[in-house]
PDB file of N, CA and C in Angstrom:
ATOM      1  N   MET A   1      10.598  27.330 114.221  1.00  0.00           N
ATOM      2  CA  MET A   1      11.353  26.880 115.372  1.00  0.00           C
ATOM      3  C   MET A   1      11.207  27.889 116.514  1.00  0.00           C
ATOM      4  N   ILE A   2      10.965  27.393 117.698  1.00  0.00           N
ATOM      5  CA  ILE A   2      10.852  28.233 118.883  1.00  0.00           C
ATOM      6  C   ILE A   2      12.255  28.661 119.316  1.00  0.00           C
ATOM      7  N   GLU A   3      12.369  29.900 119.756  1.00  0.00           N
ATOM      8  CA  GLU A   3      13.647  30.410 120.247  1.00  0.00           C
ATOM      9  C   GLU A   3      14.045  29.680 121.520  1.00  0.00           C
ATOM     10  N   SER A   4      15.332  29.595 121.742  1.00  0.00           N
ATOM     11  CA  SER A   4      15.820  29.171 123.054  1.00  0.00           C
ATOM     12  C   SER A   4      16.422  30.409 123.715  1.00  0.00           C
ATOM     13  N   TRP A   5      16.378  30.437 125.032  1.00  0.00           N
ATOM     14  CA  TRP A   5      16.841  31.592 125.793  1.00  0.00           C
ATOM     15  C   TRP A   5      17.884  31.158 126.811  1.00  0.00           C
ATOM     16  N   VAL A   6      18.890  32.013 127.036  1.00  0.00           N
ATOM     17  CA  VAL A   6      19.960  31.756 127.990  1.00  0.00           C
ATOM     18  C   VAL A   6      20.082  32.976 128.895  1.00  0.00           C
ATOM     19  N   ALA A   7      20.206  32.749 130.216  1.00  0.00           N
ATOM     20  CA  ALA A   7      20.409  33.849 131.155  1.00  0.00           C
ATOM     21  C   ALA A   7      21.834  34.350 131.034  1.00  0.00           C
ATOM     22  N   GLN A   8      21.980  35.670 131.019  1.00  0.00           N
ATOM     23  CA  GLN A   8      23.294  36.311 130.901  1.00  0.00           C
ATOM     24  C   GLN A   8      23.454  37.342 132.000  1.00  0.00           C
ATOM     25  N   GLY A   9      24.675  37.612 132.378  1.00  0.00           N
ATOM     26  CA  GLY A   9      25.002  38.730 133.249  1.00  0.00           C
ATOM     27  C   GLY A   9      24.346  38.679 134.600  1.00  0.00           C
ATOM     28  N   GLY A  10      24.164  39.856 135.158  1.00  0.00           N
ATOM     29  CA  GLY A  10      23.715  39.950 136.529  1.00  0.00           C
ATOM     30  C   GLY A  10      24.899  39.703 137.436  1.00  0.00           C
ATOM     31  N   GLY A  11      24.702  39.732 138.692  1.00  0.00           N
ATOM     32  CA  GLY A  11      25.796  39.594 139.636  1.00  0.00           C
ATOM     33  C   GLY A  11      26.523  38.269 139.589  1.00  0.00           C
ATOM     34  N   ASP A  12      25.883  37.198 139.111  1.00  0.00           N
ATOM     35  CA  ASP A  12      26.541  35.897 139.142  1.00  0.00           C
ATOM     36  C   ASP A  12      27.021  35.423 137.779  1.00  0.00           C
ATOM     37  N   GLY A  13      26.943  36.274 136.758  1.00  0.00           N
ATOM     38  CA  GLY A  13      27.463  35.913 135.449  1.00  0.00           C
ATOM     39  C   GLY A  13      26.524  35.122 134.580  1.00  0.00           C
ATOM     40  N   GLY A  14      25.364  34.712 135.099  1.00  0.00           N
ATOM     41  CA  GLY A  14      24.419  33.969 134.271  1.00  0.00           C
ATOM     42  C   GLY A  14      24.903  32.570 133.981  1.00  0.00           C
ATOM     43  N   GLY A  15      24.440  32.007 132.888  1.00  0.00           N
ATOM     44  CA  GLY A  15      24.810  30.650 132.541  1.00  0.00           C
ATOM     45  C   GLY A  15      24.882  30.477 131.051  1.00  0.00           C
ATOM     46  N   THR A  16      25.094  29.238 130.636  1.00  0.00           N
ATOM     47  CA  THR A  16      25.146  28.944 129.213  1.00  0.00           C
ATOM     48  C   THR A  16      24.093  27.932 128.802  1.00  0.00           C
ATOM     49  N   ALA A  17      23.450  27.286 129.761  1.00  0.00           N
ATOM     50  CA  ALA A  17      22.418  26.314 129.444  1.00  0.00           C
ATOM     51  C   ALA A  17      21.111  27.032 129.137  1.00  0.00           C
ATOM     52  N   PRO A  18      20.378  26.564 128.132  1.00  0.00           N
ATOM     53  CA  PRO A  18      19.090  27.197 127.834  1.00  0.00           C
ATOM     54  C   PRO A  18      18.149  27.164 129.037  1.00  0.00           C
ATOM     55  N   VAL A  19      17.378  28.222 129.188  1.00  0.00           N
ATOM     56  CA  VAL A  19      16.371  28.298 130.237  1.00  0.00           C
ATOM     57  C   VAL A  19      15.100  27.658 129.685  1.00  0.00           C
ATOM     58  N   ARG A  20      14.608  26.665 130.356  1.00  0.00           N
ATOM     59  CA  ARG A  20      13.398  25.967 129.901  1.00  0.00           C
ATOM     60  C   ARG A  20      12.153  26.776 130.235  1.00  0.00           C
ATOM     61  N   SER A  21      11.195  26.790 129.292  1.00  0.00           N
ATOM     62  CA  SER A  21       9.918  27.420 129.613  1.00  0.00           C
ATOM     63  C   SER A  21       9.321  26.625 130.771  1.00  0.00           C
ATOM     64  N   GLY A  22       8.660  27.310 131.643  1.00  0.00           N
ATOM     65  CA  GLY A  22       8.125  26.686 132.845  1.00  0.00           C
ATOM     66  C   GLY A  22       9.096  26.784 134.009  1.00  0.00           C
ATOM     67  N   ALA A  23      10.366  27.079 133.729  1.00  0.00           N
ATOM     68  CA  ALA A  23      11.374  27.193 134.776  1.00  0.00           C
ATOM     69  C   ALA A  23      11.909  28.616 134.913  1.00  0.00           C
ATOM     70  N   VAL A  24      11.460  29.501 134.043  1.00  0.00           N
ATOM     71  CA  VAL A  24      11.995  30.865 134.016  1.00  0.00           C
ATOM     72  C   VAL A  24      11.662  31.613 135.299  1.00  0.00           C
ATOM     73  N   ALA A  25      10.422  31.567 135.742  1.00  0.00           N
ATOM     74  CA  ALA A  25      10.027  32.307 136.944  1.00  0.00           C
ATOM     75  C   ALA A  25      10.817  31.821 138.151  1.00  0.00           C
ATOM     76  N   GLY A  26      11.000  30.522 138.280  1.00  0.00           N
ATOM     77  CA  GLY A  26      11.777  29.984 139.390  1.00  0.00           C
ATOM     78  C   GLY A  26      13.230  30.423 139.335  1.00  0.00           C
ATOM     79  N   MET A  27      13.812  30.431 138.145  1.00  0.00           N
ATOM     80  CA  MET A  27      15.190  30.870 137.974  1.00  0.00           C
ATOM     81  C   MET A  27      15.321  32.347 138.369  1.00  0.00           C
ATOM     82  N   LEU A  28      14.369  33.169 137.926  1.00  0.00           N
ATOM     83  CA  LEU A  28      14.414  34.585 138.282  1.00  0.00           C
ATOM     84  C   LEU A  28      14.238  34.784 139.784  1.00  0.00           C
ATOM     85  N   ARG A  29      13.299  34.059 140.391  1.00  0.00           N
ATOM     86  CA  ARG A  29      13.110  34.175 141.843  1.00  0.00           C
ATOM     87  C   ARG A  29      14.393  33.816 142.588  1.00  0.00           C
ATOM     88  N   SER A  30      15.067  32.740 142.165  1.00  0.00           N
ATOM     89  CA  SER A  30      16.321  32.327 142.811  1.00  0.00           C
ATOM     90  C   SER A  30      17.384  33.397 142.686  1.00  0.00           C
ATOM     91  N   ARG A  31      17.504  33.996 141.511  1.00  0.00           N
ATOM     92  CA  ARG A  31      18.492  35.055 141.302  1.00  0.00           C
ATOM     93  C   ARG A  31      18.167  36.268 142.175  1.00  0.00           C
ATOM     94  N   ILE A  32      16.887  36.624 142.262  1.00  0.00           N
ATOM     95  CA  ILE A  32      16.471  37.769 143.089  1.00  0.00           C
ATOM     96  C   ILE A  32      16.782  37.491 144.553  1.00  0.00           C
ATOM     97  N   GLU A  33      16.457  36.280 145.028  1.00  0.00           N
ATOM     98  CA  GLU A  33      16.748  35.916 146.420  1.00  0.00           C
ATOM     99  C   GLU A  33      18.246  35.953 146.711  1.00  0.00           C
ATOM    100  N   ALA A  34      19.075  35.693 145.693  1.00  0.00           N
ATOM    101  CA  ALA A  34      20.528  35.730 145.846  1.00  0.00           C
ATOM    102  C   ALA A  34      21.087  37.141 145.691  1.00  0.00           C
ATOM    103  N   GLY A  35      20.208  38.124 145.461  1.00  0.00           N
ATOM    104  CA  GLY A  35      20.641  39.508 145.343  1.00  0.00           C
ATOM    105  C   GLY A  35      20.928  39.976 143.933  1.00  0.00           C
ATOM    106  N   CYS A  36      20.671  39.139 142.928  1.00  0.00           N
ATOM    107  CA  CYS A  36      20.854  39.537 141.521  1.00  0.00           C
ATOM    108  C   CYS A  36      19.544  40.149 141.035  1.00  0.00           C
ATOM    109  N   LEU A  37      19.445  41.471 141.102  1.00  0.00           N
ATOM    110  CA  LEU A  37      18.192  42.145 140.774  1.00  0.00           C
ATOM    111  C   LEU A  37      18.073  42.495 139.300  1.00  0.00           C
ATOM    112  N   GLU A  38      19.128  42.267 138.521  1.00  0.00           N
ATOM    113  CA  GLU A  38      19.088  42.489 137.072  1.00  0.00           C
ATOM    114  C   GLU A  38      19.438  41.173 136.381  1.00  0.00           C
ATOM    115  N   THR A  39      18.581  40.751 135.456  1.00  0.00           N
ATOM    116  CA  THR A  39      18.836  39.542 134.671  1.00  0.00           C
ATOM    117  C   THR A  39      18.516  39.825 133.219  1.00  0.00           C
ATOM    118  N   TRP A  40      19.391  39.385 132.341  1.00  0.00           N
ATOM    119  CA  TRP A  40      19.158  39.478 130.901  1.00  0.00           C
ATOM    120  C   TRP A  40      19.139  38.077 130.322  1.00  0.00           C
ATOM    121  N   LEU A  41      18.158  37.812 129.488  1.00  0.00           N
ATOM    122  CA  LEU A  41      18.081  36.570 128.731  1.00  0.00           C
ATOM    123  C   LEU A  41      18.355  36.918 127.276  1.00  0.00           C
ATOM    124  N   THR A  42      19.145  36.117 126.605  1.00  0.00           N
ATOM    125  CA  THR A  42      19.370  36.314 125.175  1.00  0.00           C
ATOM    126  C   THR A  42      18.800  35.108 124.448  1.00  0.00           C
ATOM    127  N   SER A  43      18.229  35.365 123.280  1.00  0.00           N
ATOM    128  CA  SER A  43      17.579  34.291 122.541  1.00  0.00           C
ATOM    129  C   SER A  43      18.423  33.851 121.355  1.00  0.00           C
ATOM    130  N   SER A  44      18.115  32.668 120.881  1.00  0.00           N
ATOM    131  CA  SER A  44      18.793  32.126 119.703  1.00  0.00           C
ATOM    132  C   SER A  44      18.490  32.952 118.459  1.00  0.00           C
ATOM    133  N   ALA A  45      17.465  33.806 118.516  1.00  0.00           N
ATOM    134  CA  ALA A  45      17.105  34.679 117.396  1.00  0.00           C
ATOM    135  C   ALA A  45      17.745  36.061 117.525  1.00  0.00           C
ATOM    136  N   GLY A  46      18.564  36.266 118.556  1.00  0.00           N
ATOM    137  CA  GLY A  46      19.243  37.542 118.725  1.00  0.00           C
ATOM    138  C   GLY A  46      18.488  38.572 119.549  1.00  0.00           C
ATOM    139  N   ARG A  47      17.371  38.167 120.133  1.00  0.00           N
ATOM    140  CA  ARG A  47      16.617  39.103 120.968  1.00  0.00           C
ATOM    141  C   ARG A  47      17.150  39.079 122.392  1.00  0.00           C
ATOM    142  N   SER A  48      16.866  40.140 123.146  1.00  0.00           N
ATOM    143  CA  SER A  48      17.242  40.231 124.558  1.00  0.00           C
ATOM    144  C   SER A  48      16.015  40.571 125.380  1.00  0.00           C
ATOM    145  N   LEU A  49      15.908  39.933 126.528  1.00  0.00           N
ATOM    146  CA  LEU A  49      14.796  40.143 127.446  1.00  0.00           C
ATOM    147  C   LEU A  49      15.394  40.476 128.803  1.00  0.00           C
ATOM    148  N   GLY A  50      15.155  41.694 129.270  1.00  0.00           N
ATOM    149  CA  GLY A  50      15.747  42.153 130.520  1.00  0.00           C
ATOM    150  C   GLY A  50      14.716  42.342 131.614  1.00  0.00           C
ATOM    151  N   VAL A  51      15.132  42.008 132.833  1.00  0.00           N
ATOM    152  CA  VAL A  51      14.301  42.213 134.016  1.00  0.00           C
ATOM    153  C   VAL A  51      15.179  42.843 135.083  1.00  0.00           C
ATOM    154  N   VAL A  52      14.749  43.994 135.595  1.00  0.00           N
ATOM    155  CA  VAL A  52      15.415  44.592 136.754  1.00  0.00           C
ATOM    156  C   VAL A  52      14.318  44.876 137.770  1.00  0.00           C
ATOM    157  N   THR A  53      14.573  44.515 139.019  1.00  0.00           N
ATOM    158  CA  THR A  53      13.528  44.594 140.033  1.00  0.00           C
ATOM    159  C   THR A  53      14.043  45.228 141.312  1.00  0.00           C
ATOM    160  N   ASN A  54      13.111  45.701 142.099  1.00  0.00           N
ATOM    161  CA  ASN A  54      13.417  46.142 143.456  1.00  0.00           C
ATOM    162  C   ASN A  54      12.806  45.158 144.454  1.00  0.00           C
ATOM    163  N   THR A  55      12.436  43.997 143.986  1.00  0.00           N
ATOM    164  CA  THR A  55      11.798  42.857 144.675  1.00  0.00           C
ATOM    165  C   THR A  55      10.283  43.020 144.815  1.00  0.00           C
ATOM    166  N   GLU A  56       9.747  44.195 144.541  1.00  0.00           N
ATOM    167  CA  GLU A  56       8.299  44.408 144.571  1.00  0.00           C
ATOM    168  C   GLU A  56       7.741  44.690 143.185  1.00  0.00           C
ATOM    169  N   ARG A  57       8.457  45.484 142.406  1.00  0.00           N
ATOM    170  CA  ARG A  57       8.063  45.834 141.050  1.00  0.00           C
ATOM    171  C   ARG A  57       9.229  45.514 140.134  1.00  0.00           C
ATOM    172  N   ALA A  58       8.958  45.430 138.827  1.00  0.00           N
ATOM    173  CA  ALA A  58      10.035  45.114 137.888  1.00  0.00           C
ATOM    174  C   ALA A  58       9.843  45.855 136.575  1.00  0.00           C
ATOM    175  N   MET A  59      10.968  46.215 135.980  1.00  0.00           N
ATOM    176  CA  MET A  59      11.016  46.742 134.618  1.00  0.00           C
ATOM    177  C   MET A  59      11.306  45.536 133.734  1.00  0.00           C
ATOM    178  N   VAL A  60      10.438  45.292 132.751  1.00  0.00           N
ATOM    179  CA  VAL A  60      10.627  44.182 131.802  1.00  0.00           C
ATOM    180  C   VAL A  60      10.800  44.807 130.423  1.00  0.00           C
ATOM    181  N   VAL A  61      11.938  44.520 129.773  1.00  0.00           N
ATOM    182  CA  VAL A  61      12.286  45.114 128.486  1.00  0.00           C
ATOM    183  C   VAL A  61      12.565  44.009 127.481  1.00  0.00           C
ATOM    184  N   LEU A  62      12.001  44.154 126.272  1.00  0.00           N
ATOM    185  CA  LEU A  62      12.251  43.210 125.180  1.00  0.00           C
ATOM    186  C   LEU A  62      12.879  43.975 124.021  1.00  0.00           C
ATOM    187  N   LEU A  63      14.088  43.558 123.634  1.00  0.00           N
ATOM    188  CA  LEU A  63      14.818  44.194 122.535  1.00  0.00           C
ATOM    189  C   LEU A  63      14.912  43.223 121.373  1.00  0.00           C
ATOM    190  N   GLU A  64      14.678  43.709 120.170  1.00  0.00           N
ATOM    191  CA  GLU A  64      14.740  42.850 118.980  1.00  0.00           C
ATOM    192  C   GLU A  64      16.171  42.576 118.523  1.00  0.00           C
ATOM    193  N   GLY A  65      17.106  43.386 118.953  1.00  0.00           N
ATOM    194  CA  GLY A  65      18.499  43.201 118.580  1.00  0.00           C
ATOM    195  C   GLY A  65      19.324  44.340 119.131  1.00  0.00           C
ATOM    196  N   GLU A  66      20.625  44.292 118.870  1.00  0.00           N
ATOM    197  CA  GLU A  66      21.521  45.328 119.353  1.00  0.00           C
ATOM    198  C   GLU A  66      21.118  46.683 118.768  1.00  0.00           C
ATOM    199  N   GLY A  67      21.056  47.694 119.627  1.00  0.00           N
ATOM    200  CA  GLY A  67      20.702  49.037 119.187  1.00  0.00           C
ATOM    201  C   GLY A  67      19.209  49.308 119.140  1.00  0.00           C
ATOM    202  N   ASP A  68      18.380  48.291 119.356  1.00  0.00           N
ATOM    203  CA  ASP A  68      16.923  48.482 119.347  1.00  0.00           C
ATOM    204  C   ASP A  68      16.491  49.115 120.662  1.00  0.00           C
ATOM    205  N   PRO A  69      15.724  50.229 120.615  1.00  0.00           N
ATOM    206  CA  PRO A  69      15.226  50.831 121.848  1.00  0.00           C
ATOM    207  C   PRO A  69      14.229  49.926 122.575  1.00  0.00           C
ATOM    208  N   GLY A  70      13.599  49.018 121.843  1.00  0.00           N
ATOM    209  CA  GLY A  70      12.779  47.982 122.453  1.00  0.00           C
ATOM    210  C   GLY A  70      11.364  48.350 122.836  1.00  0.00           C
ATOM    211  N   GLU A  71      10.853  47.499 123.689  1.00  0.00           N
ATOM    212  CA  GLU A  71       9.492  47.585 124.221  1.00  0.00           C
ATOM    213  C   GLU A  71       9.590  47.275 125.703  1.00  0.00           C
ATOM    214  N   HIS A  72       8.648  47.809 126.495  1.00  0.00           N
ATOM    215  CA  HIS A  72       8.664  47.453 127.907  1.00  0.00           C
ATOM    216  C   HIS A  72       7.249  47.358 128.464  1.00  0.00           C
ATOM    217  N   ALA A  73       7.123  46.537 129.503  1.00  0.00           N
ATOM    218  CA  ALA A  73       5.842  46.345 130.170  1.00  0.00           C
ATOM    219  C   ALA A  73       5.488  47.600 130.956  1.00  0.00           C
ATOM    220  N   VAL A  74       4.196  47.915 131.011  1.00  0.00           N
ATOM    221  CA  VAL A  74       3.719  49.087 131.745  1.00  0.00           C
ATOM    222  C   VAL A  74       2.523  48.718 132.609  1.00  0.00           C
ATOM    223  N   ASP A  75       2.238  49.586 133.552  1.00  0.00           N
ATOM    224  CA  ASP A  75       1.089  49.448 134.450  1.00  0.00           C
ATOM    225  C   ASP A  75       0.366  50.792 134.430  1.00  0.00           C
ATOM    226  N   PRO A  76      -0.480  51.022 133.389  1.00  0.00           N
ATOM    227  CA  PRO A  76      -1.081  52.348 133.185  1.00  0.00           C
ATOM    228  C   PRO A  76      -1.865  52.899 134.368  1.00  0.00           C
ATOM    229  N   SER A  77      -2.391  52.039 135.230  1.00  0.00           N
ATOM    230  CA  SER A  77      -3.203  52.526 136.349  1.00  0.00           C
ATOM    231  C   SER A  77      -2.384  52.800 137.607  1.00  0.00           C
ATOM    232  N   ALA A  78      -1.079  52.499 137.579  1.00  0.00           N
ATOM    233  CA  ALA A  78      -0.235  52.698 138.767  1.00  0.00           C
ATOM    234  C   ALA A  78       0.022  54.181 138.994  1.00  0.00           C
ATOM    235  N   ASP A  79       0.300  54.511 140.229  1.00  0.00           N
ATOM    236  CA  ASP A  79       0.577  55.894 140.603  1.00  0.00           C
ATOM    237  C   ASP A  79       1.818  55.920 141.484  1.00  0.00           C
ATOM    238  N   GLY A  80       2.607  56.939 141.355  1.00  0.00           N
ATOM    239  CA  GLY A  80       3.797  57.081 142.186  1.00  0.00           C
ATOM    240  C   GLY A  80       5.044  56.607 141.474  1.00  0.00           C
ATOM    241  N   GLU A  81       6.103  56.444 142.250  1.00  0.00           N
ATOM    242  CA  GLU A  81       7.354  55.922 141.701  1.00  0.00           C
ATOM    243  C   GLU A  81       8.035  55.085 142.769  1.00  0.00           C
ATOM    244  N   SER A  82       8.910  54.213 142.303  1.00  0.00           N
ATOM    245  CA  SER A  82       9.625  53.309 143.202  1.00  0.00           C
ATOM    246  C   SER A  82      11.113  53.363 142.899  1.00  0.00           C
ATOM    247  N   ASP A  83      11.911  53.177 143.941  1.00  0.00           N
ATOM    248  CA  ASP A  83      13.356  53.136 143.759  1.00  0.00           C
ATOM    249  C   ASP A  83      13.869  51.755 144.164  1.00  0.00           C
ATOM    250  N   GLY A  84      15.179  51.615 144.171  1.00  0.00           N
ATOM    251  CA  GLY A  84      15.771  50.355 144.585  1.00  0.00           C
ATOM    252  C   GLY A  84      15.987  49.358 143.467  1.00  0.00           C
ATOM    253  N   PHE A  85      15.900  49.811 142.213  1.00  0.00           N
ATOM    254  CA  PHE A  85      16.157  48.938 141.063  1.00  0.00           C
ATOM    255  C   PHE A  85      17.670  48.928 140.844  1.00  0.00           C
ATOM    256  N   VAL A  86      18.336  47.911 141.362  1.00  0.00           N
ATOM    257  CA  VAL A  86      19.795  47.871 141.357  1.00  0.00           C
ATOM    258  C   VAL A  86      20.299  47.081 140.156  1.00  0.00           C
ATOM    259  N   LEU A  87      21.078  47.772 139.314  1.00  0.00           N
ATOM    260  CA  LEU A  87      21.666  47.143 138.137  1.00  0.00           C
ATOM    261  C   LEU A  87      22.932  46.385 138.528  1.00  0.00           C
ATOM    262  N   ALA A  88      23.376  45.492 137.656  1.00  0.00           N
ATOM    263  CA  ALA A  88      24.560  44.681 137.924  1.00  0.00           C
ATOM    264  C   ALA A  88      25.802  45.530 138.163  1.00  0.00           C
ATOM    265  N   ASN A  89      25.851  46.736 137.582  1.00  0.00           N
ATOM    266  CA  ASN A  89      27.026  47.601 137.762  1.00  0.00           C
ATOM    267  C   ASN A  89      26.950  48.421 139.050  1.00  0.00           C
ATOM    268  N   GLY A  90      25.901  48.181 139.865  1.00  0.00           N
ATOM    269  CA  GLY A  90      25.749  48.878 141.136  1.00  0.00           C
ATOM    270  C   GLY A  90      24.871  50.112 141.078  1.00  0.00           C
ATOM    271  N   GLN A  91      24.549  50.577 139.875  1.00  0.00           N
ATOM    272  CA  GLN A  91      23.676  51.751 139.736  1.00  0.00           C
ATOM    273  C   GLN A  91      22.305  51.433 140.300  1.00  0.00           C
ATOM    274  N   CYS A  92      21.754  52.370 141.050  1.00  0.00           N
ATOM    275  CA  CYS A  92      20.426  52.199 141.635  1.00  0.00           C
ATOM    276  C   CYS A  92      19.468  53.176 140.957  1.00  0.00           C
ATOM    277  N   ASP A  93      18.442  52.630 140.294  1.00  0.00           N
ATOM    278  CA  ASP A  93      17.512  53.460 139.536  1.00  0.00           C
ATOM    279  C   ASP A  93      16.165  53.595 140.232  1.00  0.00           C
ATOM    280  N   GLU A  94      15.446  54.632 139.825  1.00  0.00           N
ATOM    281  CA  GLU A  94      14.080  54.911 140.277  1.00  0.00           C
ATOM    282  C   GLU A  94      13.232  55.056 139.026  1.00  0.00           C
ATOM    283  N   TYR A  95      12.036  54.457 139.039  1.00  0.00           N
ATOM    284  CA  TYR A  95      11.142  54.518 137.881  1.00  0.00           C
ATOM    285  C   TYR A  95       9.737  54.900 138.322  1.00  0.00           C
ATOM    286  N   PRO A  96       8.991  55.591 137.451  1.00  0.00           N
ATOM    287  CA  PRO A  96       7.560  55.780 137.711  1.00  0.00           C
ATOM    288  C   PRO A  96       6.892  54.397 137.736  1.00  0.00           C
ATOM    289  N   ASP A  97       5.965  54.196 138.654  1.00  0.00           N
ATOM    290  CA  ASP A  97       5.299  52.896 138.752  1.00  0.00           C
ATOM    291  C   ASP A  97       4.559  52.530 137.468  1.00  0.00           C
ATOM    292  N   GLN A  98       4.142  53.510 136.695  1.00  0.00           N
ATOM    293  CA  GLN A  98       3.486  53.212 135.416  1.00  0.00           C
ATOM    294  C   GLN A  98       4.442  52.542 134.435  1.00  0.00           C
ATOM    295  N   GLU A  99       5.752  52.705 134.618  1.00  0.00           N
ATOM    296  CA  GLU A  99       6.753  52.139 133.712  1.00  0.00           C
ATOM    297  C   GLU A  99       7.252  50.771 134.168  1.00  0.00           C
ATOM    298  N   THR A 100       6.718  50.287 135.295  1.00  0.00           N
ATOM    299  CA  THR A 100       7.080  48.982 135.831  1.00  0.00           C
ATOM    300  C   THR A 100       5.800  48.203 136.121  1.00  0.00           C
ATOM    301  N   VAL A 101       5.953  46.945 136.474  1.00  0.00           N
ATOM    302  CA  VAL A 101       4.802  46.109 136.823  1.00  0.00           C
ATOM    303  C   VAL A 101       5.110  45.377 138.129  1.00  0.00           C
ATOM    304  N   PRO A 102       4.079  44.934 138.854  1.00  0.00           N
ATOM    305  CA  PRO A 102       4.334  44.136 140.053  1.00  0.00           C
ATOM    306  C   PRO A 102       5.177  42.907 139.683  1.00  0.00           C
ATOM    307  N   LEU A 103       6.024  42.470 140.605  1.00  0.00           N
ATOM    308  CA  LEU A 103       6.949  41.377 140.322  1.00  0.00           C
ATOM    309  C   LEU A 103       6.235  40.125 139.816  1.00  0.00           C
ATOM    310  N   ALA A 104       5.110  39.759 140.407  1.00  0.00           N
ATOM    311  CA  ALA A 104       4.387  38.560 139.952  1.00  0.00           C
ATOM    312  C   ALA A 104       3.967  38.697 138.490  1.00  0.00           C
ATOM    313  N   GLU A 105       3.538  39.889 138.092  1.00  0.00           N
ATOM    314  CA  GLU A 105       3.154  40.131 136.698  1.00  0.00           C
ATOM    315  C   GLU A 105       4.383  40.057 135.796  1.00  0.00           C
ATOM    316  N   ALA A 106       5.509  40.586 136.255  1.00  0.00           N
ATOM    317  CA  ALA A 106       6.746  40.524 135.471  1.00  0.00           C
ATOM    318  C   ALA A 106       7.145  39.074 135.215  1.00  0.00           C
ATOM    319  N   LEU A 107       7.073  38.242 136.235  1.00  0.00           N
ATOM    320  CA  LEU A 107       7.427  36.827 136.083  1.00  0.00           C
ATOM    321  C   LEU A 107       6.499  36.135 135.097  1.00  0.00           C
ATOM    322  N   ARG A 108       5.215  36.467 135.154  1.00  0.00           N
ATOM    323  CA  ARG A 108       4.234  35.893 134.215  1.00  0.00           C
ATOM    324  C   ARG A 108       4.550  36.327 132.788  1.00  0.00           C
ATOM    325  N   ILE A 109       4.870  37.601 132.604  1.00  0.00           N
ATOM    326  CA  ILE A 109       5.186  38.130 131.273  1.00  0.00           C
ATOM    327  C   ILE A 109       6.431  37.455 130.705  1.00  0.00           C
ATOM    328  N   VAL A 110       7.489  37.375 131.505  1.00  0.00           N
ATOM    329  CA  VAL A 110       8.737  36.766 131.036  1.00  0.00           C
ATOM    330  C   VAL A 110       8.515  35.298 130.687  1.00  0.00           C
ATOM    331  N   GLU A 111       7.788  34.589 131.518  1.00  0.00           N
ATOM    332  CA  GLU A 111       7.497  33.173 131.245  1.00  0.00           C
ATOM    333  C   GLU A 111       6.777  33.035 129.907  1.00  0.00           C
ATOM    334  N   HIS A 112       5.820  33.914 129.636  1.00  0.00           N
ATOM    335  CA  HIS A 112       5.063  33.847 128.380  1.00  0.00           C
ATOM    336  C   HIS A 112       5.953  34.161 127.184  1.00  0.00           C
ATOM    337  N   ILE A 113       6.792  35.181 127.300  1.00  0.00           N
ATOM    338  CA  ILE A 113       7.679  35.538 126.184  1.00  0.00           C
ATOM    339  C   ILE A 113       8.638  34.393 125.883  1.00  0.00           C
ATOM    340  N   VAL A 114       9.203  33.772 126.904  1.00  0.00           N
ATOM    341  CA  VAL A 114      10.126  32.657 126.689  1.00  0.00           C
ATOM    342  C   VAL A 114       9.396  31.458 126.077  1.00  0.00           C
ATOM    343  N   THR A 115       8.154  31.244 126.465  1.00  0.00           N
ATOM    344  CA  THR A 115       7.383  30.108 125.955  1.00  0.00           C
ATOM    345  C   THR A 115       6.808  30.359 124.567  1.00  0.00           C
ATOM    346  N   ALA A 116       6.198  31.535 124.372  1.00  0.00           N
ATOM    347  CA  ALA A 116       5.458  31.805 123.136  1.00  0.00           C
ATOM    348  C   ALA A 116       6.167  32.769 122.185  1.00  0.00           C
ATOM    349  N   GLY A 117       7.175  33.476 122.666  1.00  0.00           N
ATOM    350  CA  GLY A 117       7.906  34.395 121.808  1.00  0.00           C
ATOM    351  C   GLY A 117       7.297  35.775 121.682  1.00  0.00           C
ATOM    352  N   SER A 118       6.211  36.023 122.412  1.00  0.00           N
ATOM    353  CA  SER A 118       5.533  37.318 122.302  1.00  0.00           C
ATOM    354  C   SER A 118       4.954  37.719 123.657  1.00  0.00           C
ATOM    355  N   TRP A 119       4.555  38.996 123.738  1.00  0.00           N
ATOM    356  CA  TRP A 119       3.900  39.490 124.949  1.00  0.00           C
ATOM    357  C   TRP A 119       2.600  38.722 125.177  1.00  0.00           C
ATOM    358  N   PRO A 120       2.213  38.478 126.424  1.00  0.00           N
ATOM    359  CA  PRO A 120       0.894  37.891 126.673  1.00  0.00           C
ATOM    360  C   PRO A 120      -0.171  38.833 126.108  1.00  0.00           C
ATOM    361  N   PRO A 121      -1.245  38.297 125.531  1.00  0.00           N
ATOM    362  CA  PRO A 121      -2.267  39.147 124.929  1.00  0.00           C
ATOM    363  C   PRO A 121      -2.885  40.161 125.901  1.00  0.00           C
ATOM    364  N   ASP A 122      -2.906  39.842 127.181  1.00  0.00           N
ATOM    365  CA  ASP A 122      -3.527  40.737 128.158  1.00  0.00           C
ATOM    366  C   ASP A 122      -2.525  41.632 128.887  1.00  0.00           C
ATOM    367  N   ALA A 123      -1.255  41.588 128.497  1.00  0.00           N
ATOM    368  CA  ALA A 123      -0.237  42.423 129.137  1.00  0.00           C
ATOM    369  C   ALA A 123      -0.192  43.805 128.488  1.00  0.00           C
ATOM    370  N   ALA A 124       0.004  44.814 129.298  1.00  0.00           N
ATOM    371  CA  ALA A 124       0.168  46.174 128.788  1.00  0.00           C
ATOM    372  C   ALA A 124       1.649  46.423 128.553  1.00  0.00           C
ATOM    373  N   TRP A 125       1.979  46.934 127.364  1.00  0.00           N
ATOM    374  CA  TRP A 125       3.362  47.246 127.030  1.00  0.00           C
ATOM    375  C   TRP A 125       3.384  48.371 126.016  1.00  0.00           C
ATOM    376  N   VAL A 126       4.522  49.044 125.931  1.00  0.00           N
ATOM    377  CA  VAL A 126       4.680  50.125 124.965  1.00  0.00           C
ATOM    378  C   VAL A 126       5.982  49.918 124.204  1.00  0.00           C
ATOM    379  N   ALA A 127       5.962  50.350 122.941  1.00  0.00           N
ATOM    380  CA  ALA A 127       7.173  50.327 122.118  1.00  0.00           C
ATOM    381  C   ALA A 127       7.920  51.633 122.357  1.00  0.00           C
ATOM    382  N   ASP A 128       9.221  51.533 122.543  1.00  0.00           N
ATOM    383  CA  ASP A 128      10.051  52.710 122.753  1.00  0.00           C
ATOM    384  C   ASP A 128      10.747  53.146 121.474  1.00  0.00           C
ATOM    385  N   ARG A 129      10.353  52.552 120.356  1.00  0.00           N
ATOM    386  CA  ARG A 129      10.986  52.857 119.066  1.00  0.00           C
ATOM    387  C   ARG A 129      10.481  54.174 118.530  1.00  0.00           C
TER     388      ARG A 129
END
């Protein structure tokens, strides 16, 4: 059985209806345009998928369950660092660009994880375990 995913938290409280594959990128874009730069999706299998963005780059994190340090998308060839990653609690973070990906790539990765349950085969990611 394929997991179902529900958006949680962020500035608008998320929702309770499952997020359909094919609609995830649009939902994230709408939330970003509304100023919700942090979104968490929870799956029916107990996994969590987090996206925090500064509207240009995004940190994408996949957790297998509560307490799991998880995995995150990376951009090994990037240089520098970016700020403006605003969490729902108001905290503003800065990350090395190698630890984030361009927003379009983040949307593609999240769409694939929601659809297939795994990282895209061509996406770069590291385990933080």
